C-alpha cells in the first residue's frame, strides 16, 4: 500500500510541476515521421539517459520489446544494480501505440493504470540506434543495438538533441559491460 501511495504522490507532484518544455517556452517536441514497429522490436542497450529515480544505481541497462498477440508490446527493462556484474533488476511493462499513423508515439506502463508517453524522436535508418523522449523533455534515453556507439555518432546525436531544446548537460552515459 505504501508503494501505491508513493506512486500516486509522485504522479500528483509531476502533474503540478512545470515541465522543461513549459519552463523554457520551447516548441512542441516532434517525433520521427514513421516507426517500422517490427524493425524496432528486439533488444536495445541504453547508451545514455536523463537520470531518473527508478534507474538509480543501474549499470548495463537494456530494454527488450516483443509484440503481443493483442498488438501491444511487452517491455522488459533490465539493469545490473551497483556494477556491471551486480545483481540483475528487471521490470516488466506494456506499451501501446497511440498514434497509429506514424507509430512514433507510444505509451508505456509499468504500474497500471498509469501510462507514460514514450516518443521516438530519432531512429537510425538501419534501426541501429534510437532516441526516446517525452513531450515535457524531462525524460530521455539514447539507445543502440550494440553496447556502445562511436564517439562521433554519439556527439552528433547530442548536438541534435540540443537543437531540439534538450538540456544536454543533464545527459549521463550508461556504463555497459565490456
C-alpha atoms as a PDB file:
ATOM      1  CA  UNK A   1       0.000   0.000   0.000  1.00  0.00           C
ATOM      2  CA  UNK A   2       2.886   2.369   0.762  1.00  0.00           C
ATOM      3  CA  UNK A   3       4.301   1.795  -2.723  1.00  0.00           C
ATOM      4  CA  UNK A   4       0.962   2.697  -4.303  1.00  0.00           C
ATOM      5  CA  UNK A   5       0.752   5.844  -2.193  1.00  0.00           C
ATOM      6  CA  UNK A   6       4.278   6.804  -3.258  1.00  0.00           C
ATOM      7  CA  UNK A   7       3.423   6.297  -6.929  1.00  0.00           C
ATOM      8  CA  UNK A   8       0.276   8.413  -6.546  1.00  0.00           C
ATOM      9  CA  UNK A   9       2.196  11.145  -4.723  1.00  0.00           C
ATOM     10  CA  UNK A  10       4.876  11.244  -7.445  1.00  0.00           C
ATOM     11  CA  UNK A  11       2.217  11.308 -10.154  1.00  0.00           C
ATOM     12  CA  UNK A  12       0.427  14.204  -8.490  1.00  0.00           C
ATOM     13  CA  UNK A  13       3.684  16.095  -7.902  1.00  0.00           C
ATOM     14  CA  UNK A  14       4.778  15.766 -11.520  1.00  0.00           C
ATOM     15  CA  UNK A  15       1.356  16.884 -12.677  1.00  0.00           C
ATOM     16  CA  UNK A  16       1.792  20.132 -10.730  1.00  0.00           C
ATOM     17  CA  UNK A  17       5.385  20.762 -11.763  1.00  0.00           C
ATOM     18  CA  UNK A  18       6.379  22.872 -14.723  1.00  0.00           C
ATOM     19  CA  UNK A  19       7.988  20.780 -17.456  1.00  0.00           C
ATOM     20  CA  UNK A  20      11.205  21.730 -19.191  1.00  0.00           C
ATOM     21  CA  UNK A  21       9.222  22.404 -22.359  1.00  0.00           C
ATOM     22  CA  UNK A  22       6.986  24.877 -20.493  1.00  0.00           C
ATOM     23  CA  UNK A  23       9.752  26.395 -18.384  1.00  0.00           C
ATOM     24  CA  UNK A  24      11.928  27.172 -21.402  1.00  0.00           C
ATOM     25  CA  UNK A  25       8.953  28.037 -23.633  1.00  0.00           C
ATOM     26  CA  UNK A  26      10.060  25.518 -26.246  1.00  0.00           C
ATOM     27  CA  UNK A  27       8.009  24.469 -29.257  1.00  0.00           C
ATOM     28  CA  UNK A  28       6.216  21.131 -29.074  1.00  0.00           C
ATOM     29  CA  UNK A  29       8.541  18.142 -29.330  1.00  0.00           C
ATOM     30  CA  UNK A  30       8.390  16.361 -32.671  1.00  0.00           C
ATOM     31  CA  UNK A  31       8.787  12.677 -33.375  1.00  0.00           C
ATOM     32  CA  UNK A  32      10.159  10.815 -36.351  1.00  0.00           C
ATOM     33  CA  UNK A  33       7.809  10.572 -39.336  1.00  0.00           C
ATOM     34  CA  UNK A  34       7.415   6.789 -39.066  1.00  0.00           C
ATOM     35  CA  UNK A  35       8.490   3.870 -36.900  1.00  0.00           C
ATOM     36  CA  UNK A  36       8.526   0.439 -38.517  1.00  0.00           C
ATOM     37  CA  UNK A  37       7.459  -1.437 -35.397  1.00  0.00           C
ATOM     38  CA  UNK A  38       8.726  -4.902 -36.439  1.00  0.00           C
ATOM     39  CA  UNK A  39      12.182  -3.373 -37.032  1.00  0.00           C
ATOM     40  CA  UNK A  40      12.026  -1.516 -33.694  1.00  0.00           C
ATOM     41  CA  UNK A  41      11.290  -4.646 -31.656  1.00  0.00           C
ATOM     42  CA  UNK A  42      14.081  -6.607 -30.006  1.00  0.00           C
ATOM     43  CA  UNK A  43      16.925  -5.727 -27.688  1.00  0.00           C
ATOM     44  CA  UNK A  44      18.354  -2.263 -27.155  1.00  0.00           C
ATOM     45  CA  UNK A  45      21.271  -1.146 -24.982  1.00  0.00           C
ATOM     46  CA  UNK A  46      20.937   2.104 -23.116  1.00  0.00           C
ATOM     47  CA  UNK A  47      23.792   4.398 -24.117  1.00  0.00           C
ATOM     48  CA  UNK A  48      22.759   7.428 -22.058  1.00  0.00           C
ATOM     49  CA  UNK A  49      19.778   8.963 -20.298  1.00  0.00           C
ATOM     50  CA  UNK A  50      18.445  11.709 -18.109  1.00  0.00           C
ATOM     51  CA  UNK A  51      18.851  10.136 -14.644  1.00  0.00           C
ATOM     52  CA  UNK A  52      15.578   9.027 -13.067  1.00  0.00           C
ATOM     53  CA  UNK A  53      14.970   7.728  -9.561  1.00  0.00           C
ATOM     54  CA  UNK A  54      13.696   4.390 -10.862  1.00  0.00           C
ATOM     55  CA  UNK A  55      17.068   3.804 -12.562  1.00  0.00           C
ATOM     56  CA  UNK A  56      19.245   4.807  -9.614  1.00  0.00           C
ATOM     57  CA  UNK A  57      22.421   2.727  -9.303  1.00  0.00           C
ATOM     58  CA  UNK A  58      21.775   0.914 -12.618  1.00  0.00           C
ATOM     59  CA  UNK A  59      24.539  -0.346 -14.884  1.00  0.00           C
ATOM     60  CA  UNK A  60      24.429  -2.350 -18.140  1.00  0.00           C
ATOM     61  CA  UNK A  61      20.828  -1.295 -18.781  1.00  0.00           C
ATOM     62  CA  UNK A  62      18.867  -2.908 -21.593  1.00  0.00           C
ATOM     63  CA  UNK A  63      15.331  -2.777 -22.972  1.00  0.00           C
ATOM     64  CA  UNK A  64      13.613  -5.580 -24.829  1.00  0.00           C
ATOM     65  CA  UNK A  65      10.425  -5.145 -26.838  1.00  0.00           C
ATOM     66  CA  UNK A  66       8.279  -8.031 -28.095  1.00  0.00           C
ATOM     67  CA  UNK A  67       4.968  -7.896 -29.955  1.00  0.00           C
ATOM     68  CA  UNK A  68       1.991  -9.348 -28.095  1.00  0.00           C
ATOM     69  CA  UNK A  69      -0.878 -11.195 -29.775  1.00  0.00           C
ATOM     70  CA  UNK A  70      -3.201  -8.280 -28.956  1.00  0.00           C
ATOM     71  CA  UNK A  71      -0.942  -5.814 -30.808  1.00  0.00           C
ATOM     72  CA  UNK A  72       0.522  -4.232 -27.688  1.00  0.00           C
ATOM     73  CA  UNK A  73       4.195  -4.641 -26.810  1.00  0.00           C
ATOM     74  CA  UNK A  74       5.771  -6.488 -23.899  1.00  0.00           C
ATOM     75  CA  UNK A  75       8.514  -4.352 -22.373  1.00  0.00           C
ATOM     76  CA  UNK A  76      11.306  -5.871 -20.310  1.00  0.00           C
ATOM     77  CA  UNK A  77      13.802  -3.404 -18.878  1.00  0.00           C
ATOM     78  CA  UNK A  78      16.805  -4.757 -17.061  1.00  0.00           C
ATOM     79  CA  UNK A  79      19.900  -3.467 -15.374  1.00  0.00           C
ATOM     80  CA  UNK A  80      22.612  -4.595 -13.006  1.00  0.00           C
ATOM     81  CA  UNK A  81      22.493  -2.959  -9.593  1.00  0.00           C
ATOM     82  CA  UNK A  82      25.689  -1.393  -8.282  1.00  0.00           C
ATOM     83  CA  UNK A  83      28.046  -2.623 -11.016  1.00  0.00           C
ATOM     84  CA  UNK A  84      28.009  -4.243 -14.467  1.00  0.00           C
ATOM     85  CA  UNK A  85      28.306  -7.635 -12.757  1.00  0.00           C
ATOM     86  CA  UNK A  86      25.877  -6.796  -9.944  1.00  0.00           C
ATOM     87  CA  UNK A  87      22.557  -8.493  -9.327  1.00  0.00           C
ATOM     88  CA  UNK A  88      20.022  -8.188 -12.103  1.00  0.00           C
ATOM     89  CA  UNK A  89      16.969  -5.974 -11.603  1.00  0.00           C
ATOM     90  CA  UNK A  90      14.141  -6.466 -14.102  1.00  0.00           C
ATOM     91  CA  UNK A  91      10.929  -4.523 -14.663  1.00  0.00           C
ATOM     92  CA  UNK A  92       8.120  -5.803 -16.872  1.00  0.00           C
ATOM     93  CA  UNK A  93       5.695  -3.464 -18.544  1.00  0.00           C
ATOM     94  CA  UNK A  94       3.491  -2.981 -21.516  1.00  0.00           C
ATOM     95  CA  UNK A  95       3.481  -0.448 -24.333  1.00  0.00           C
ATOM     96  CA  UNK A  96       0.804   0.559 -26.781  1.00  0.00           C
ATOM     97  CA  UNK A  97       0.994   2.638 -29.943  1.00  0.00           C
ATOM     98  CA  UNK A  98      -1.212   5.714 -29.519  1.00  0.00           C
ATOM     99  CA  UNK A  99      -0.506   7.405 -32.833  1.00  0.00           C
ATOM    100  CA  UNK A 100      -1.183   4.700 -35.406  1.00  0.00           C
ATOM    101  CA  UNK A 101      -0.345   6.882 -38.433  1.00  0.00           C
ATOM    102  CA  UNK A 102       3.343   7.196 -37.506  1.00  0.00           C
ATOM    103  CA  UNK A 103       3.886   4.555 -34.827  1.00  0.00           C
ATOM    104  CA  UNK A 104       6.224   7.060 -33.170  1.00  0.00           C
ATOM    105  CA  UNK A 105       4.081   7.941 -30.162  1.00  0.00           C
ATOM    106  CA  UNK A 106       3.621   5.185 -27.647  1.00  0.00           C
ATOM    107  CA  UNK A 107       2.611   4.931 -24.028  1.00  0.00           C
ATOM    108  CA  UNK A 108       4.306   2.611 -21.550  1.00  0.00           C
ATOM    109  CA  UNK A 109       3.007   1.306 -18.264  1.00  0.00           C
ATOM    110  CA  UNK A 110       4.866  -0.461 -15.504  1.00  0.00           C
ATOM    111  CA  UNK A 111       2.240   0.426 -12.887  1.00  0.00           C
ATOM    112  CA  UNK A 112      -1.198   0.218 -14.412  1.00  0.00           C
ATOM    113  CA  UNK A 113      -3.433   2.123 -14.668  1.00  0.00           C
ATOM    114  CA  UNK A 114      -0.681   4.757 -15.113  1.00  0.00           C
ATOM    115  CA  UNK A 115       0.739   5.251 -18.614  1.00  0.00           C
ATOM    116  CA  UNK A 116       3.657   7.475 -19.628  1.00  0.00           C
ATOM    117  CA  UNK A 117       4.489   8.954 -23.010  1.00  0.00           C
ATOM    118  CA  UNK A 118       7.276   7.212 -24.932  1.00  0.00           C
ATOM    119  CA  UNK A 119       8.044   9.151 -28.111  1.00  0.00           C
ATOM    120  CA  UNK A 120      10.579   8.017 -30.695  1.00  0.00           C
ATOM    121  CA  UNK A 121      12.224  11.310 -31.630  1.00  0.00           C
ATOM    122  CA  UNK A 122      15.068   9.846 -33.657  1.00  0.00           C
ATOM    123  CA  UNK A 123      15.832   6.442 -35.176  1.00  0.00           C
ATOM    124  CA  UNK A 124      18.684   5.345 -37.425  1.00  0.00           C
ATOM    125  CA  UNK A 125      17.912   4.321 -40.999  1.00  0.00           C
ATOM    126  CA  UNK A 126      19.143   0.822 -40.165  1.00  0.00           C
ATOM    127  CA  UNK A 127      17.373   0.866 -36.771  1.00  0.00           C
ATOM    128  CA  UNK A 128      20.804   0.672 -35.190  1.00  0.00           C
ATOM    129  CA  UNK A 129      20.075   3.457 -32.697  1.00  0.00           C
ATOM    130  CA  UNK A 130      17.063   5.327 -31.376  1.00  0.00           C
ATOM    131  CA  UNK A 131      16.369   8.322 -29.183  1.00  0.00           C
ATOM    132  CA  UNK A 132      13.307   8.221 -26.965  1.00  0.00           C
ATOM    133  CA  UNK A 133      11.867  11.257 -25.267  1.00  0.00           C
ATOM    134  CA  UNK A 134       8.840  12.683 -23.579  1.00  0.00           C
ATOM    135  CA  UNK A 135       6.877  15.778 -24.671  1.00  0.00           C
ATOM    136  CA  UNK A 136       7.991  17.508 -21.444  1.00  0.00           C
ATOM    137  CA  UNK A 137      11.666  16.988 -22.385  1.00  0.00           C
ATOM    138  CA  UNK A 138      12.203  15.750 -18.807  1.00  0.00           C
ATOM    139  CA  UNK A 139      12.871  12.153 -19.859  1.00  0.00           C
ATOM    140  CA  UNK A 140      15.415  10.980 -22.411  1.00  0.00           C
ATOM    141  CA  UNK A 141      17.065   7.744 -23.452  1.00  0.00           C
ATOM    142  CA  UNK A 142      19.652   7.149 -26.176  1.00  0.00           C
ATOM    143  CA  UNK A 143      19.525   3.505 -27.273  1.00  0.00           C
ATOM    144  CA  UNK A 144      21.657   1.339 -29.520  1.00  0.00           C
ATOM    145  CA  UNK A 145      21.591  -2.210 -30.795  1.00  0.00           C
ATOM    146  CA  UNK A 146      25.154  -2.524 -29.535  1.00  0.00           C
ATOM    147  CA  UNK A 147      26.560  -1.678 -26.074  1.00  0.00           C
ATOM    148  CA  UNK A 148      28.453   1.334 -27.435  1.00  0.00           C
ATOM    149  CA  UNK A 149      28.170   3.990 -30.114  1.00  0.00           C
ATOM    150  CA  UNK A 150      31.136   5.525 -31.930  1.00  0.00           C
ATOM    151  CA  UNK A 151      32.011   8.809 -30.147  1.00  0.00           C
ATOM    152  CA  UNK A 152      31.334  10.947 -33.235  1.00  0.00           C
ATOM    153  CA  UNK A 153      27.909   9.341 -33.685  1.00  0.00           C
ATOM    154  CA  UNK A 154      27.053   9.927 -30.009  1.00  0.00           C
ATOM    155  CA  UNK A 155      28.189  13.559 -30.133  1.00  0.00           C
ATOM    156  CA  UNK A 156      26.124  14.168 -33.275  1.00  0.00           C
ATOM    157  CA  UNK A 157      23.023  12.813 -31.501  1.00  0.00           C
ATOM    158  CA  UNK A 158      23.694  15.064 -28.503  1.00  0.00           C
ATOM    159  CA  UNK A 159      24.093  18.089 -30.810  1.00  0.00           C
ATOM    160  CA  UNK A 160      20.739  17.327 -32.453  1.00  0.00           C
ATOM    161  CA  UNK A 161      19.140  16.992 -29.011  1.00  0.00           C
ATOM    162  CA  UNK A 162      20.468  20.421 -28.038  1.00  0.00           C
ATOM    163  CA  UNK A 163      18.912  21.835 -31.205  1.00  0.00           C
ATOM    164  CA  UNK A 164      15.584  20.255 -30.125  1.00  0.00           C
ATOM    165  CA  UNK A 165      15.745  22.092 -26.803  1.00  0.00           C
ATOM    166  CA  UNK A 166      17.038  19.298 -24.586  1.00  0.00           C
ATOM    167  CA  UNK A 167      19.260  20.341 -21.681  1.00  0.00           C
ATOM    168  CA  UNK A 168      22.147  18.138 -22.779  1.00  0.00           C
ATOM    169  CA  UNK A 169      24.214  18.857 -19.660  1.00  0.00           C
ATOM    170  CA  UNK A 170      21.768  16.529 -17.878  1.00  0.00           C
ATOM    171  CA  UNK A 171      22.673  13.540 -20.071  1.00  0.00           C
ATOM    172  CA  UNK A 172      24.575  10.804 -18.271  1.00  0.00           C
ATOM    173  CA  UNK A 173      26.241   7.945 -20.139  1.00  0.00           C
ATOM    174  CA  UNK A 174      25.299   4.448 -19.077  1.00  0.00           C
ATOM    175  CA  UNK A 175      28.118   2.104 -18.149  1.00  0.00           C
ATOM    176  CA  UNK A 176      27.766  -1.100 -20.152  1.00  0.00           C
ATOM    177  CA  UNK A 177      29.633  -4.363 -19.712  1.00  0.00           C
ATOM    178  CA  UNK A 178      32.810  -4.533 -21.810  1.00  0.00           C
END
